[in-house]
Amino acid sequence: MALGLHKVAPFYYYPGFHEPGTALSLVVNKKLWDSLKATERSFIETAAVAENSKMLSEYNANNAAAVEILAEDPEVKIRKFDDTIVQSLHKVTGEVLADTSRIDGTTRRVHDSFMNFRAAAVRWADISERAYLNARALPLPTAQ
């Protein structure tokens, strides 16, 4: 929105498949990190978690406001990607991950760990987040 891209390319496609949301990273030199006392590391970890939580809250609030602006703009067309596009991207992603997993033993262990976690996370999301979002989308009665 800040760049005005919606004015030159007035199509908003969803779902975003590149990332479900934004997360921050904090990188600290390992030698420096190891030299810190446990309480100092704890302070840094607590501050990082707090900042990530604050950023995620701002991200969600700002995106909700931005999509309202886009939805009200008659020049902007909000469109859902066709399922065949998402399925094609999913297929290619799987192929790239499988190819990458064959690089070496370490990469294979990371791949296998990721895939096992992903399977569990998808199951969890189905009964928690997806179900919650479906329930949250139900219309609420208005005050009389």
C-alpha atoms as a PDB file:
ATOM      1  CA  MET A   1       0.000   0.000   0.000  1.00  0.00           C
ATOM      2  CA  ALA A   2       2.759   2.427   0.950  1.00  0.00           C
ATOM      3  CA  LEU A   3       4.364   1.983  -2.464  1.00  0.00           C
ATOM      4  CA  GLY A   4       1.051   2.441  -4.271  1.00  0.00           C
ATOM      5  CA  LEU A   5       1.450  -0.810  -6.194  1.00  0.00           C
ATOM      6  CA  HIS A   6      -2.310  -1.332  -6.172  1.00  0.00           C
ATOM      7  CA  LYS A   7      -2.606   1.774  -8.353  1.00  0.00           C
ATOM      8  CA  VAL A   8      -0.410   0.374 -11.133  1.00  0.00           C
ATOM      9  CA  ALA A   9      -1.275  -3.324 -10.774  1.00  0.00           C
ATOM     10  CA  PRO A  10      -4.827  -3.285  -9.447  1.00  0.00           C
ATOM     11  CA  PHE A  11      -5.148  -7.026  -8.812  1.00  0.00           C
ATOM     12  CA  TYR A  12      -4.852  -8.598  -5.375  1.00  0.00           C
ATOM     13  CA  TYR A  13      -4.475 -12.360  -5.567  1.00  0.00           C
ATOM     14  CA  TYR A  14      -4.774 -14.727  -2.647  1.00  0.00           C
ATOM     15  CA  PRO A  15      -3.883 -16.991  -0.937  1.00  0.00           C
ATOM     16  CA  GLY A  16      -0.358 -15.806  -0.379  1.00  0.00           C
ATOM     17  CA  PHE A  17       1.696 -18.946  -0.881  1.00  0.00           C
ATOM     18  CA  HIS A  18       5.127 -17.458  -0.250  1.00  0.00           C
ATOM     19  CA  GLU A  19       4.574 -17.124   3.504  1.00  0.00           C
ATOM     20  CA  PRO A  20       1.624 -17.350   5.849  1.00  0.00           C
ATOM     21  CA  GLY A  21       2.835 -14.404   7.852  1.00  0.00           C
ATOM     22  CA  THR A  22       5.869 -12.480   8.817  1.00  0.00           C
ATOM     23  CA  ALA A  23       8.312 -13.407  11.551  1.00  0.00           C
ATOM     24  CA  LEU A  24      11.388 -11.637  12.747  1.00  0.00           C
ATOM     25  CA  SER A  25      14.841 -13.118  13.158  1.00  0.00           C
ATOM     26  CA  LEU A  26      17.588 -12.253  15.563  1.00  0.00           C
ATOM     27  CA  VAL A  27      21.110 -13.319  14.755  1.00  0.00           C
ATOM     28  CA  VAL A  28      23.865 -13.202  17.352  1.00  0.00           C
ATOM     29  CA  ASN A  29      27.447 -14.252  16.853  1.00  0.00           C
ATOM     30  CA  LYS A  30      27.783 -17.671  18.539  1.00  0.00           C
ATOM     31  CA  LYS A  31      31.046 -16.777  20.275  1.00  0.00           C
ATOM     32  CA  LEU A  32      29.427 -13.649  21.703  1.00  0.00           C
ATOM     33  CA  TRP A  33      26.259 -15.561  22.656  1.00  0.00           C
ATOM     34  CA  ASP A  34      28.278 -18.233  24.444  1.00  0.00           C
ATOM     35  CA  SER A  35      30.132 -15.534  26.377  1.00  0.00           C
ATOM     36  CA  LEU A  36      26.917 -14.104  27.814  1.00  0.00           C
ATOM     37  CA  LYS A  37      25.558 -15.084  31.201  1.00  0.00           C
ATOM     38  CA  ALA A  38      22.342 -17.091  31.292  1.00  0.00           C
ATOM     39  CA  THR A  39      20.413 -14.073  32.580  1.00  0.00           C
ATOM     40  CA  GLU A  40      21.742 -11.900  29.737  1.00  0.00           C
ATOM     41  CA  ARG A  41      20.697 -14.523  27.174  1.00  0.00           C
ATOM     42  CA  SER A  42      17.293 -14.713  28.846  1.00  0.00           C
ATOM     43  CA  PHE A  43      16.856 -10.927  28.609  1.00  0.00           C
ATOM     44  CA  ILE A  44      17.667 -11.024  24.891  1.00  0.00           C
ATOM     45  CA  GLU A  45      15.355 -13.995  24.259  1.00  0.00           C
ATOM     46  CA  THR A  46      12.504 -12.317  26.160  1.00  0.00           C
ATOM     47  CA  ALA A  47      12.953  -9.046  24.268  1.00  0.00           C
ATOM     48  CA  ALA A  48      13.058 -10.902  20.924  1.00  0.00           C
ATOM     49  CA  VAL A  49       9.862 -12.829  21.700  1.00  0.00           C
ATOM     50  CA  ALA A  50       8.119  -9.636  22.830  1.00  0.00           C
ATOM     51  CA  GLU A  51       9.158  -7.747  19.703  1.00  0.00           C
ATOM     52  CA  ASN A  52       8.061 -10.579  17.422  1.00  0.00           C
ATOM     53  CA  SER A  53       4.681 -10.714  19.177  1.00  0.00           C
ATOM     54  CA  LYS A  54       4.248  -6.944  18.879  1.00  0.00           C
ATOM     55  CA  MET A  55       5.240  -7.005  15.207  1.00  0.00           C
ATOM     56  CA  LEU A  56       2.827  -9.855  14.435  1.00  0.00           C
ATOM     57  CA  SER A  57      -0.025  -7.957  16.125  1.00  0.00           C
ATOM     58  CA  GLU A  58       0.786  -4.822  14.110  1.00  0.00           C
ATOM     59  CA  TYR A  59       1.112  -6.898  10.931  1.00  0.00           C
ATOM     60  CA  ASN A  60      -2.342  -8.434  11.388  1.00  0.00           C
ATOM     61  CA  ALA A  61      -3.991  -5.125  12.310  1.00  0.00           C
ATOM     62  CA  ASN A  62      -2.385  -3.228   9.433  1.00  0.00           C
ATOM     63  CA  ASN A  63      -3.202  -5.940   6.896  1.00  0.00           C
ATOM     64  CA  ALA A  64      -6.825  -6.043   8.022  1.00  0.00           C
ATOM     65  CA  ALA A  65      -7.062  -2.269   7.509  1.00  0.00           C
ATOM     66  CA  ALA A  66      -5.260  -2.439   4.156  1.00  0.00           C
ATOM     67  CA  VAL A  67      -7.493  -5.169   2.734  1.00  0.00           C
ATOM     68  CA  GLU A  68     -10.540  -3.082   3.678  1.00  0.00           C
ATOM     69  CA  ILE A  69      -9.119  -0.158   1.700  1.00  0.00           C
ATOM     70  CA  LEU A  70      -8.425  -2.426  -1.267  1.00  0.00           C
ATOM     71  CA  ALA A  71     -11.880  -4.026  -1.078  1.00  0.00           C
ATOM     72  CA  GLU A  72     -13.544  -0.594  -1.138  1.00  0.00           C
ATOM     73  CA  ASP A  73     -11.470   0.636  -4.094  1.00  0.00           C
ATOM     74  CA  PRO A  74     -13.518   0.056  -7.267  1.00  0.00           C
ATOM     75  CA  GLU A  75     -10.311  -0.090  -9.317  1.00  0.00           C
ATOM     76  CA  VAL A  76      -8.866  -2.995  -7.339  1.00  0.00           C
ATOM     77  CA  LYS A  77      -9.936  -6.535  -8.158  1.00  0.00           C
ATOM     78  CA  ILE A  78      -9.503  -9.108  -5.384  1.00  0.00           C
ATOM     79  CA  ARG A  79      -9.151 -12.571  -6.882  1.00  0.00           C
ATOM     80  CA  LYS A  80      -8.474 -16.038  -5.518  1.00  0.00           C
ATOM     81  CA  PHE A  81      -5.796 -18.013  -7.319  1.00  0.00           C
ATOM     82  CA  ASP A  82      -7.335 -20.914  -9.164  1.00  0.00           C
ATOM     83  CA  ASP A  83      -6.812 -24.151  -7.245  1.00  0.00           C
ATOM     84  CA  THR A  84      -4.894 -25.623 -10.192  1.00  0.00           C
ATOM     85  CA  ILE A  85      -2.255 -22.887  -9.824  1.00  0.00           C
ATOM     86  CA  VAL A  86      -1.825 -23.553  -6.114  1.00  0.00           C
ATOM     87  CA  GLN A  87      -1.727 -27.313  -6.760  1.00  0.00           C
ATOM     88  CA  SER A  88       0.937 -26.835  -9.445  1.00  0.00           C
ATOM     89  CA  LEU A  89       3.051 -24.731  -7.106  1.00  0.00           C
ATOM     90  CA  HIS A  90       2.608 -27.361  -4.410  1.00  0.00           C
ATOM     91  CA  LYS A  91       3.776 -30.085  -6.805  1.00  0.00           C
ATOM     92  CA  VAL A  92       6.862 -28.133  -7.882  1.00  0.00           C
ATOM     93  CA  THR A  93       7.679 -27.280  -4.273  1.00  0.00           C
ATOM     94  CA  GLY A  94       7.570 -30.970  -3.387  1.00  0.00           C
ATOM     95  CA  GLU A  95       9.866 -31.802  -6.303  1.00  0.00           C
ATOM     96  CA  VAL A  96      12.377 -29.112  -5.323  1.00  0.00           C
ATOM     97  CA  LEU A  97      12.350 -30.239  -1.687  1.00  0.00           C
ATOM     98  CA  ALA A  98      12.851 -33.864  -2.727  1.00  0.00           C
ATOM     99  CA  ASP A  99      15.735 -32.939  -5.058  1.00  0.00           C
ATOM    100  CA  THR A 100      17.332 -30.763  -2.401  1.00  0.00           C
ATOM    101  CA  SER A 101      17.022 -33.511   0.207  1.00  0.00           C
ATOM    102  CA  ARG A 102      19.398 -35.662  -1.835  1.00  0.00           C
ATOM    103  CA  ILE A 103      22.334 -33.252  -1.552  1.00  0.00           C
ATOM    104  CA  ASP A 104      23.875 -34.870   1.508  1.00  0.00           C
ATOM    105  CA  GLY A 105      23.068 -36.583   4.798  1.00  0.00           C
ATOM    106  CA  THR A 106      22.616 -33.377   6.771  1.00  0.00           C
ATOM    107  CA  THR A 107      20.229 -31.943   4.215  1.00  0.00           C
ATOM    108  CA  ARG A 108      18.307 -35.223   4.217  1.00  0.00           C
ATOM    109  CA  ARG A 109      17.964 -35.162   8.030  1.00  0.00           C
ATOM    110  CA  VAL A 110      16.735 -31.550   7.920  1.00  0.00           C
ATOM    111  CA  HIS A 111      14.297 -32.425   5.123  1.00  0.00           C
ATOM    112  CA  ASP A 112      12.944 -35.466   6.951  1.00  0.00           C
ATOM    113  CA  SER A 113      12.574 -33.522  10.205  1.00  0.00           C
ATOM    114  CA  PHE A 114      10.762 -30.715   8.362  1.00  0.00           C
ATOM    115  CA  MET A 115       8.427 -33.116   6.557  1.00  0.00           C
ATOM    116  CA  ASN A 116       7.561 -34.953   9.794  1.00  0.00           C
ATOM    117  CA  PHE A 117       6.884 -31.672  11.557  1.00  0.00           C
ATOM    118  CA  ARG A 118       4.867 -30.392   8.596  1.00  0.00           C
ATOM    119  CA  ALA A 119       2.606 -33.448   8.642  1.00  0.00           C
ATOM    120  CA  ALA A 120       1.914 -32.977  12.348  1.00  0.00           C
ATOM    121  CA  ALA A 121       1.429 -29.210  11.927  1.00  0.00           C
ATOM    122  CA  VAL A 122      -1.066 -29.686   9.071  1.00  0.00           C
ATOM    123  CA  ARG A 123      -3.099 -32.124  11.173  1.00  0.00           C
ATOM    124  CA  TRP A 124      -3.035 -29.686  14.103  1.00  0.00           C
ATOM    125  CA  ALA A 125      -4.007 -26.729  11.906  1.00  0.00           C
ATOM    126  CA  ASP A 126      -7.004 -28.639  10.559  1.00  0.00           C
ATOM    127  CA  ILE A 127      -8.520 -29.115  14.005  1.00  0.00           C
ATOM    128  CA  SER A 128      -7.357 -25.862  15.525  1.00  0.00           C
ATOM    129  CA  GLU A 129      -6.626 -22.922  13.256  1.00  0.00           C
ATOM    130  CA  ARG A 130      -8.733 -23.880  10.219  1.00  0.00           C
ATOM    131  CA  ALA A 131     -11.675 -24.816  12.428  1.00  0.00           C
ATOM    132  CA  TYR A 132     -11.238 -21.633  14.476  1.00  0.00           C
ATOM    133  CA  LEU A 133     -11.108 -19.447  11.361  1.00  0.00           C
ATOM    134  CA  ASN A 134     -14.243 -21.109   9.984  1.00  0.00           C
ATOM    135  CA  ALA A 135     -16.035 -20.527  13.296  1.00  0.00           C
ATOM    136  CA  ARG A 136     -14.788 -16.934  13.514  1.00  0.00           C
ATOM    137  CA  ALA A 137     -16.143 -16.227  10.017  1.00  0.00           C
ATOM    138  CA  LEU A 138     -19.697 -17.074  11.102  1.00  0.00           C
ATOM    139  CA  PRO A 139     -21.841 -13.930  11.262  1.00  0.00           C
ATOM    140  CA  LEU A 140     -22.488 -12.569  14.731  1.00  0.00           C
ATOM    141  CA  PRO A 141     -25.888 -11.213  15.660  1.00  0.00           C
ATOM    142  CA  THR A 142     -26.036  -7.437  15.811  1.00  0.00           C
ATOM    143  CA  ALA A 143     -27.016  -5.567  18.962  1.00  0.00           C
ATOM    144  CA  GLN A 144     -30.656  -4.604  19.019  1.00  0.00           C
END
